[in-house]
C-alpha atoms as a PDB file:
ATOM      1  CA  UNK A   1       0.000   0.000   0.000  1.00  0.00           C
ATOM      2  CA  UNK A   2       2.848   2.340   0.864  1.00  0.00           C
ATOM      3  CA  UNK A   3       4.525   1.717  -2.543  1.00  0.00           C
ATOM      4  CA  UNK A   4       1.251   2.335  -4.351  1.00  0.00           C
ATOM      5  CA  UNK A   5       0.897   5.682  -2.583  1.00  0.00           C
ATOM      6  CA  UNK A   6       4.422   6.760  -3.592  1.00  0.00           C
ATOM      7  CA  UNK A   7       3.886   5.813  -7.255  1.00  0.00           C
ATOM      8  CA  UNK A   8       0.530   7.564  -7.233  1.00  0.00           C
ATOM      9  CA  UNK A   9       2.128  10.788  -5.975  1.00  0.00           C
ATOM     10  CA  UNK A  10       4.850  10.576  -8.618  1.00  0.00           C
ATOM     11  CA  UNK A  11       2.298  10.069 -11.400  1.00  0.00           C
ATOM     12  CA  UNK A  12       0.281  13.072 -10.254  1.00  0.00           C
ATOM     13  CA  UNK A  13       3.324  15.366  -9.922  1.00  0.00           C
ATOM     14  CA  UNK A  14       4.769  14.645 -13.406  1.00  0.00           C
ATOM     15  CA  UNK A  15       1.869  16.267 -15.345  1.00  0.00           C
ATOM     16  CA  UNK A  16       1.993  19.282 -13.027  1.00  0.00           C
ATOM     17  CA  UNK A  17       5.709  19.755 -13.709  1.00  0.00           C
ATOM     18  CA  UNK A  18       5.121  19.398 -17.483  1.00  0.00           C
ATOM     19  CA  UNK A  19       2.263  21.903 -17.435  1.00  0.00           C
ATOM     20  CA  UNK A  20       4.564  24.396 -15.700  1.00  0.00           C
ATOM     21  CA  UNK A  21       7.163  23.920 -18.455  1.00  0.00           C
ATOM     22  CA  UNK A  22       4.631  24.385 -21.259  1.00  0.00           C
ATOM     23  CA  UNK A  23       3.513  27.786 -19.993  1.00  0.00           C
ATOM     24  CA  UNK A  24       7.021  29.219 -19.677  1.00  0.00           C
ATOM     25  CA  UNK A  25       7.699  32.060 -22.114  1.00  0.00           C
ATOM     26  CA  UNK A  26      10.526  34.490 -22.753  1.00  0.00           C
ATOM     27  CA  UNK A  27      10.471  36.826 -19.746  1.00  0.00           C
ATOM     28  CA  UNK A  28      11.412  39.788 -21.935  1.00  0.00           C
ATOM     29  CA  UNK A  29       8.301  39.368 -24.108  1.00  0.00           C
ATOM     30  CA  UNK A  30       6.201  41.008 -21.394  1.00  0.00           C
ATOM     31  CA  UNK A  31       7.768  44.302 -22.449  1.00  0.00           C
ATOM     32  CA  UNK A  32       6.702  44.008 -26.086  1.00  0.00           C
ATOM     33  CA  UNK A  33       3.393  45.697 -26.948  1.00  0.00           C
ATOM     34  CA  UNK A  34       1.383  46.757 -29.957  1.00  0.00           C
ATOM     35  CA  UNK A  35       1.443  50.499 -29.346  1.00  0.00           C
ATOM     36  CA  UNK A  36      -0.468  51.948 -32.305  1.00  0.00           C
ATOM     37  CA  UNK A  37      -2.505  50.688 -35.263  1.00  0.00           C
ATOM     38  CA  UNK A  38      -4.007  52.359 -38.328  1.00  0.00           C
ATOM     39  CA  UNK A  39      -6.337  50.369 -40.564  1.00  0.00           C
ATOM     40  CA  UNK A  40      -7.446  53.150 -42.922  1.00  0.00           C
ATOM     41  CA  UNK A  41      -4.467  55.262 -43.947  1.00  0.00           C
ATOM     42  CA  UNK A  42      -5.264  57.959 -46.514  1.00  0.00           C
ATOM     43  CA  UNK A  43      -2.468  60.465 -45.925  1.00  0.00           C
ATOM     44  CA  UNK A  44      -0.896  59.920 -42.474  1.00  0.00           C
ATOM     45  CA  UNK A  45       1.975  57.749 -43.711  1.00  0.00           C
ATOM     46  CA  UNK A  46       3.122  57.460 -47.317  1.00  0.00           C
ATOM     47  CA  UNK A  47       5.790  55.264 -48.821  1.00  0.00           C
ATOM     48  CA  UNK A  48       7.226  55.217 -52.327  1.00  0.00           C
ATOM     49  CA  UNK A  49       6.863  51.441 -52.664  1.00  0.00           C
ATOM     50  CA  UNK A  50       3.740  50.782 -50.566  1.00  0.00           C
ATOM     51  CA  UNK A  51       1.696  53.937 -51.116  1.00  0.00           C
ATOM     52  CA  UNK A  52      -0.504  54.534 -48.069  1.00  0.00           C
ATOM     53  CA  UNK A  53      -0.604  51.149 -46.325  1.00  0.00           C
ATOM     54  CA  UNK A  54      -2.218  50.170 -43.062  1.00  0.00           C
ATOM     55  CA  UNK A  55       0.414  50.083 -40.327  1.00  0.00           C
ATOM     56  CA  UNK A  56       1.215  48.581 -36.957  1.00  0.00           C
ATOM     57  CA  UNK A  57       3.655  49.993 -34.436  1.00  0.00           C
ATOM     58  CA  UNK A  58       5.346  47.884 -31.760  1.00  0.00           C
ATOM     59  CA  UNK A  59       7.157  49.228 -28.719  1.00  0.00           C
ATOM     60  CA  UNK A  60       9.585  47.688 -26.267  1.00  0.00           C
ATOM     61  CA  UNK A  61       8.370  49.152 -22.972  1.00  0.00           C
ATOM     62  CA  UNK A  62      10.868  47.143 -20.934  1.00  0.00           C
ATOM     63  CA  UNK A  63      14.316  48.212 -19.764  1.00  0.00           C
ATOM     64  CA  UNK A  64      16.054  45.416 -21.699  1.00  0.00           C
ATOM     65  CA  UNK A  65      16.532  44.672 -25.400  1.00  0.00           C
ATOM     66  CA  UNK A  66      14.271  42.095 -27.067  1.00  0.00           C
ATOM     67  CA  UNK A  67      15.410  40.018 -30.027  1.00  0.00           C
ATOM     68  CA  UNK A  68      12.321  39.549 -32.210  1.00  0.00           C
ATOM     69  CA  UNK A  69      13.509  36.561 -34.227  1.00  0.00           C
ATOM     70  CA  UNK A  70      10.732  33.955 -34.195  1.00  0.00           C
ATOM     71  CA  UNK A  71       8.070  36.283 -32.804  1.00  0.00           C
ATOM     72  CA  UNK A  72       4.952  36.279 -34.972  1.00  0.00           C
ATOM     73  CA  UNK A  73       2.110  38.644 -35.780  1.00  0.00           C
ATOM     74  CA  UNK A  74      -1.226  37.678 -37.276  1.00  0.00           C
ATOM     75  CA  UNK A  75      -4.831  38.729 -37.727  1.00  0.00           C
ATOM     76  CA  UNK A  76      -6.045  35.116 -37.692  1.00  0.00           C
ATOM     77  CA  UNK A  77      -6.172  32.947 -34.555  1.00  0.00           C
ATOM     78  CA  UNK A  78      -5.977  29.792 -36.712  1.00  0.00           C
ATOM     79  CA  UNK A  79      -2.806  31.017 -38.488  1.00  0.00           C
ATOM     80  CA  UNK A  80      -0.759  32.727 -35.801  1.00  0.00           C
ATOM     81  CA  UNK A  81       2.460  32.633 -37.861  1.00  0.00           C
ATOM     82  CA  UNK A  82       1.285  34.773 -40.783  1.00  0.00           C
ATOM     83  CA  UNK A  83       4.214  37.131 -40.266  1.00  0.00           C
ATOM     84  CA  UNK A  84       7.407  35.928 -38.577  1.00  0.00           C
ATOM     85  CA  UNK A  85       9.961  38.514 -37.490  1.00  0.00           C
ATOM     86  CA  UNK A  86      13.522  38.262 -38.791  1.00  0.00           C
ATOM     87  CA  UNK A  87      16.599  38.467 -36.566  1.00  0.00           C
ATOM     88  CA  UNK A  88      16.262  42.066 -35.364  1.00  0.00           C
ATOM     89  CA  UNK A  89      16.600  43.556 -31.903  1.00  0.00           C
ATOM     90  CA  UNK A  90      14.205  46.110 -30.488  1.00  0.00           C
ATOM     91  CA  UNK A  91      16.116  48.124 -27.918  1.00  0.00           C
ATOM     92  CA  UNK A  92      14.605  49.268 -24.621  1.00  0.00           C
ATOM     93  CA  UNK A  93      12.059  52.017 -25.282  1.00  0.00           C
ATOM     94  CA  UNK A  94      12.394  51.661 -29.072  1.00  0.00           C
ATOM     95  CA  UNK A  95       9.553  51.560 -31.629  1.00  0.00           C
ATOM     96  CA  UNK A  96       9.225  49.392 -34.730  1.00  0.00           C
ATOM     97  CA  UNK A  97       6.974  50.151 -37.700  1.00  0.00           C
ATOM     98  CA  UNK A  98       5.379  47.420 -39.792  1.00  0.00           C
ATOM     99  CA  UNK A  99       3.441  47.990 -42.983  1.00  0.00           C
ATOM    100  CA  UNK A 100       0.241  45.931 -42.884  1.00  0.00           C
ATOM    101  CA  UNK A 101       0.304  45.253 -46.604  1.00  0.00           C
ATOM    102  CA  UNK A 102      -0.684  42.284 -48.749  1.00  0.00           C
ATOM    103  CA  UNK A 103       2.977  42.120 -49.790  1.00  0.00           C
ATOM    104  CA  UNK A 104       5.276  40.358 -47.292  1.00  0.00           C
ATOM    105  CA  UNK A 105       8.780  41.724 -46.727  1.00  0.00           C
ATOM    106  CA  UNK A 106      11.194  40.562 -44.031  1.00  0.00           C
ATOM    107  CA  UNK A 107      14.391  41.338 -45.948  1.00  0.00           C
ATOM    108  CA  UNK A 108      14.465  45.131 -46.257  1.00  0.00           C
ATOM    109  CA  UNK A 109      14.401  47.797 -43.554  1.00  0.00           C
ATOM    110  CA  UNK A 110      10.680  48.295 -44.316  1.00  0.00           C
ATOM    111  CA  UNK A 111       8.975  45.254 -42.840  1.00  0.00           C
ATOM    112  CA  UNK A 112       5.623  44.302 -44.380  1.00  0.00           C
ATOM    113  CA  UNK A 113       3.300  41.717 -42.835  1.00  0.00           C
ATOM    114  CA  UNK A 114       1.689  40.128 -45.909  1.00  0.00           C
ATOM    115  CA  UNK A 115      -1.775  40.967 -44.572  1.00  0.00           C
ATOM    116  CA  UNK A 116      -3.769  44.173 -44.227  1.00  0.00           C
ATOM    117  CA  UNK A 117      -6.093  45.157 -41.379  1.00  0.00           C
ATOM    118  CA  UNK A 118      -9.842  45.408 -41.860  1.00  0.00           C
ATOM    119  CA  UNK A 119     -11.022  48.966 -41.257  1.00  0.00           C
ATOM    120  CA  UNK A 120     -14.198  47.371 -39.919  1.00  0.00           C
ATOM    121  CA  UNK A 121     -12.145  46.032 -36.995  1.00  0.00           C
ATOM    122  CA  UNK A 122     -10.403  42.752 -36.147  1.00  0.00           C
ATOM    123  CA  UNK A 123      -7.947  41.114 -33.761  1.00  0.00           C
ATOM    124  CA  UNK A 124      -4.157  41.286 -33.901  1.00  0.00           C
ATOM    125  CA  UNK A 125      -2.264  38.429 -32.252  1.00  0.00           C
ATOM    126  CA  UNK A 126       1.374  38.779 -31.195  1.00  0.00           C
ATOM    127  CA  UNK A 127       3.145  35.563 -30.162  1.00  0.00           C
ATOM    128  CA  UNK A 128       6.631  34.677 -28.955  1.00  0.00           C
ATOM    129  CA  UNK A 129       8.964  32.129 -30.629  1.00  0.00           C
ATOM    130  CA  UNK A 130       7.306  29.311 -28.650  1.00  0.00           C
ATOM    131  CA  UNK A 131       3.783  30.271 -29.836  1.00  0.00           C
ATOM    132  CA  UNK A 132       3.039  31.765 -26.413  1.00  0.00           C
ATOM    133  CA  UNK A 133       0.592  34.656 -26.473  1.00  0.00           C
ATOM    134  CA  UNK A 134       2.300  38.000 -25.882  1.00  0.00           C
ATOM    135  CA  UNK A 135      -0.705  40.183 -26.741  1.00  0.00           C
ATOM    136  CA  UNK A 136      -4.099  39.917 -28.364  1.00  0.00           C
ATOM    137  CA  UNK A 137      -5.490  43.313 -29.296  1.00  0.00           C
ATOM    138  CA  UNK A 138      -9.001  43.939 -30.549  1.00  0.00           C
ATOM    139  CA  UNK A 139      -8.681  46.750 -33.082  1.00  0.00           C
ATOM    140  CA  UNK A 140     -12.067  48.477 -33.417  1.00  0.00           C
ATOM    141  CA  UNK A 141     -13.565  49.991 -36.541  1.00  0.00           C
ATOM    142  CA  UNK A 142     -11.511  53.056 -37.448  1.00  0.00           C
ATOM    143  CA  UNK A 143     -12.237  56.074 -39.620  1.00  0.00           C
ATOM    144  CA  UNK A 144      -9.654  57.247 -42.155  1.00  0.00           C
ATOM    145  CA  UNK A 145      -6.415  58.519 -40.593  1.00  0.00           C
ATOM    146  CA  UNK A 146      -7.583  57.789 -37.051  1.00  0.00           C
ATOM    147  CA  UNK A 147      -5.281  55.444 -35.145  1.00  0.00           C
ATOM    148  CA  UNK A 148      -5.889  53.196 -32.166  1.00  0.00           C
ATOM    149  CA  UNK A 149      -3.090  53.989 -29.740  1.00  0.00           C
ATOM    150  CA  UNK A 150      -1.768  52.905 -26.352  1.00  0.00           C
ATOM    151  CA  UNK A 151      -1.352  55.425 -23.556  1.00  0.00           C
ATOM    152  CA  UNK A 152       1.564  55.321 -21.122  1.00  0.00           C
ATOM    153  CA  UNK A 153      -0.782  53.708 -18.563  1.00  0.00           C
ATOM    154  CA  UNK A 154      -1.555  50.829 -20.962  1.00  0.00           C
ATOM    155  CA  UNK A 155      -5.066  51.883 -21.987  1.00  0.00           C
ATOM    156  CA  UNK A 156      -6.059  52.157 -25.660  1.00  0.00           C
ATOM    157  CA  UNK A 157      -8.005  54.905 -27.358  1.00  0.00           C
ATOM    158  CA  UNK A 158      -8.479  56.874 -30.548  1.00  0.00           C
ATOM    159  CA  UNK A 159      -6.383  59.730 -31.870  1.00  0.00           C
ATOM    160  CA  UNK A 160      -6.523  62.001 -34.905  1.00  0.00           C
ATOM    161  CA  UNK A 161      -2.848  62.834 -34.252  1.00  0.00           C
ATOM    162  CA  UNK A 162      -1.115  59.532 -35.082  1.00  0.00           C
ATOM    163  CA  UNK A 163       2.591  59.161 -34.315  1.00  0.00           C
ATOM    164  CA  UNK A 164       3.917  56.285 -36.459  1.00  0.00           C
ATOM    165  CA  UNK A 165       7.310  55.179 -35.123  1.00  0.00           C
ATOM    166  CA  UNK A 166       7.259  57.712 -32.289  1.00  0.00           C
ATOM    167  CA  UNK A 167       5.933  58.164 -28.757  1.00  0.00           C
ATOM    168  CA  UNK A 168       2.148  58.462 -28.485  1.00  0.00           C
ATOM    169  CA  UNK A 169       0.748  61.639 -26.996  1.00  0.00           C
ATOM    170  CA  UNK A 170      -1.580  60.787 -24.107  1.00  0.00           C
ATOM    171  CA  UNK A 171      -3.236  64.200 -24.357  1.00  0.00           C
ATOM    172  CA  UNK A 172      -4.585  63.442 -27.860  1.00  0.00           C
ATOM    173  CA  UNK A 173      -5.907  59.920 -27.112  1.00  0.00           C
ATOM    174  CA  UNK A 174      -9.630  59.787 -26.406  1.00  0.00           C
ATOM    175  CA  UNK A 175     -11.657  56.933 -24.913  1.00  0.00           C
ATOM    176  CA  UNK A 176     -14.133  56.846 -27.801  1.00  0.00           C
ATOM    177  CA  UNK A 177     -14.637  58.204 -31.291  1.00  0.00           C
ATOM    178  CA  UNK A 178     -17.475  60.334 -29.916  1.00  0.00           C
ATOM    179  CA  UNK A 179     -15.009  62.008 -27.532  1.00  0.00           C
ATOM    180  CA  UNK A 180     -12.507  62.455 -30.355  1.00  0.00           C
ATOM    181  CA  UNK A 181     -14.985  64.411 -32.463  1.00  0.00           C
ATOM    182  CA  UNK A 182     -16.532  66.342 -29.556  1.00  0.00           C
ATOM    183  CA  UNK A 183     -15.990  70.111 -30.090  1.00  0.00           C
ATOM    184  CA  UNK A 184     -15.397  70.528 -26.345  1.00  0.00           C
ATOM    185  CA  UNK A 185     -12.143  68.582 -26.746  1.00  0.00           C
ATOM    186  CA  UNK A 186     -10.887  71.017 -29.420  1.00  0.00           C
ATOM    187  CA  UNK A 187      -9.596  68.108 -31.474  1.00  0.00           C
ATOM    188  CA  UNK A 188     -11.535  68.126 -34.719  1.00  0.00           C
ATOM    189  CA  UNK A 189     -14.421  70.473 -35.479  1.00  0.00           C
ATOM    190  CA  UNK A 190     -16.525  70.915 -38.629  1.00  0.00           C
ATOM    191  CA  UNK A 191     -17.472  74.565 -38.504  1.00  0.00           C
ATOM    192  CA  UNK A 192     -18.577  75.343 -42.052  1.00  0.00           C
ATOM    193  CA  UNK A 193     -20.052  73.582 -45.042  1.00  0.00           C
ATOM    194  CA  UNK A 194     -20.497  74.641 -48.619  1.00  0.00           C
ATOM    195  CA  UNK A 195     -23.649  73.553 -50.543  1.00  0.00           C
END
């Protein structure tokens, strides 16, 4: 009976140890965030090769560098490896721009995901090299040249003053589109029309 009890305890503890191993991810990945997204770019960001593509901005909010090789970005939970990052390092506090274009590019200094973002809204999934979830962000429906941006406190909102590749301005980020277009916020006002 005593031997049976010992074997039973060993059998129970092995799956627990294995489960603990399976959930381990790169500790630095907690500092990698999707910091700004634009799904309907008319004039905010132009590129000679890509025109006016959708774009995604990542930021390393940690105090250590993160090597992105093997990290993946997708807009499809069933295909989480749609875009796999090449061997590049994102330094502490640094931003990285990605063109969300139907063309995929991991070779040049202008990275392109191979997929665009629906302006009607969708999810973006960022995973680490072990397919562990780093971030899942629900990007809402966005009007032209309005971005969905992260504040320094980690909240997301809308801004008509996008900052691709640069620090977001908390003062311009509003909780809703209604707030963004509210004249009391002095952000964007339609004050005259012509018949």
